[in-house]
Amino acid sequence: MSWLLKFWRDAKGAASIEYGIIVVAIALVIVAGTTLIGSQLRDRYYGPAANSMTLG
């Protein structure tokens, strides 16, 4: 338990937490961007191509 208090009081721990928050924010932006672009590509290119194909 003392290591946790030591980590909590250490200024380096605060910096690493801030870097972790920045990394999470960047990851969320990347996921949101790829989801948006992926759905636009699907609607623009793959949707019409799939609808034009006939089975049988």
C-alpha atoms as a PDB file:
ATOM      1  CA  MET A   1       0.000   0.000   0.000  1.00  0.00           C
ATOM      2  CA  SER A   2       2.908   2.347   0.649  1.00  0.00           C
ATOM      3  CA  TRP A   3       3.991   2.070  -2.995  1.00  0.00           C
ATOM      4  CA  LEU A   4       0.572   3.374  -4.012  1.00  0.00           C
ATOM      5  CA  LEU A   5       0.884   6.416  -1.757  1.00  0.00           C
ATOM      6  CA  LYS A   6       4.408   6.981  -3.006  1.00  0.00           C
ATOM      7  CA  PHE A   7       3.191   6.816  -6.605  1.00  0.00           C
ATOM      8  CA  TRP A   8       0.253   9.131  -5.830  1.00  0.00           C
ATOM      9  CA  ARG A   9       2.521  11.806  -4.352  1.00  0.00           C
ATOM     10  CA  ASP A  10       5.148  11.564  -7.062  1.00  0.00           C
ATOM     11  CA  ALA A  11       4.981  14.278  -9.742  1.00  0.00           C
ATOM     12  CA  LYS A  12       6.205  11.825 -12.370  1.00  0.00           C
ATOM     13  CA  GLY A  13       3.083   9.760 -11.788  1.00  0.00           C
ATOM     14  CA  ALA A  14       0.910  12.748 -12.654  1.00  0.00           C
ATOM     15  CA  ALA A  15       2.800  13.286 -15.889  1.00  0.00           C
ATOM     16  CA  SER A  16       2.430   9.656 -16.891  1.00  0.00           C
ATOM     17  CA  ILE A  17      -1.288   9.796 -16.177  1.00  0.00           C
ATOM     18  CA  GLU A  18      -1.581  12.902 -18.347  1.00  0.00           C
ATOM     19  CA  TYR A  19       0.267  11.136 -21.156  1.00  0.00           C
ATOM     20  CA  GLY A  20      -2.078   8.199 -20.764  1.00  0.00           C
ATOM     21  CA  ILE A  21      -5.099  10.470 -21.093  1.00  0.00           C
ATOM     22  CA  ILE A  22      -3.612  12.029 -24.234  1.00  0.00           C
ATOM     23  CA  VAL A  23      -3.012   8.582 -25.743  1.00  0.00           C
ATOM     24  CA  VAL A  24      -6.592   7.539 -24.991  1.00  0.00           C
ATOM     25  CA  ALA A  25      -7.935  10.751 -26.557  1.00  0.00           C
ATOM     26  CA  ILE A  26      -5.873  10.198 -29.715  1.00  0.00           C
ATOM     27  CA  ALA A  27      -7.057   6.589 -29.912  1.00  0.00           C
ATOM     28  CA  LEU A  28     -10.689   7.695 -29.638  1.00  0.00           C
ATOM     29  CA  VAL A  29     -10.207  10.211 -32.449  1.00  0.00           C
ATOM     30  CA  ILE A  30      -8.633   7.525 -34.643  1.00  0.00           C
ATOM     31  CA  VAL A  31     -11.451   5.055 -33.953  1.00  0.00           C
ATOM     32  CA  ALA A  32     -14.139   7.675 -34.590  1.00  0.00           C
ATOM     33  CA  GLY A  33     -12.457   8.818 -37.793  1.00  0.00           C
ATOM     34  CA  THR A  34     -12.019   5.356 -39.223  1.00  0.00           C
ATOM     35  CA  THR A  35     -15.595   4.444 -38.308  1.00  0.00           C
ATOM     36  CA  LEU A  36     -16.910   7.543 -40.070  1.00  0.00           C
ATOM     37  CA  ILE A  37     -14.750   7.051 -43.144  1.00  0.00           C
ATOM     38  CA  GLY A  38     -15.543   3.353 -43.255  1.00  0.00           C
ATOM     39  CA  SER A  39     -19.285   3.912 -43.180  1.00  0.00           C
ATOM     40  CA  GLN A  40     -19.022   6.576 -45.884  1.00  0.00           C
ATOM     41  CA  LEU A  41     -17.003   4.241 -48.093  1.00  0.00           C
ATOM     42  CA  ARG A  42     -19.494   1.451 -47.539  1.00  0.00           C
ATOM     43  CA  ASP A  43     -22.437   3.663 -48.442  1.00  0.00           C
ATOM     44  CA  ARG A  44     -20.744   5.219 -51.461  1.00  0.00           C
ATOM     45  CA  TYR A  45     -18.971   2.270 -53.092  1.00  0.00           C
ATOM     46  CA  TYR A  46     -19.876  -1.065 -51.597  1.00  0.00           C
ATOM     47  CA  GLY A  47     -23.608  -0.486 -51.189  1.00  0.00           C
ATOM     48  CA  PRO A  48     -24.325   0.207 -54.867  1.00  0.00           C
ATOM     49  CA  ALA A  49     -21.983  -2.571 -55.954  1.00  0.00           C
ATOM     50  CA  ALA A  50     -23.741  -5.076 -53.714  1.00  0.00           C
ATOM     51  CA  ASN A  51     -27.174  -3.920 -54.854  1.00  0.00           C
ATOM     52  CA  SER A  52     -26.244  -4.282 -58.530  1.00  0.00           C
ATOM     53  CA  MET A  53     -25.253  -7.935 -58.136  1.00  0.00           C
ATOM     54  CA  THR A  54     -27.883 -10.575 -58.650  1.00  0.00           C
ATOM     55  CA  LEU A  55     -27.908 -13.990 -57.117  1.00  0.00           C
ATOM     56  CA  GLY A  56     -28.563 -17.069 -59.162  1.00  0.00           C
END
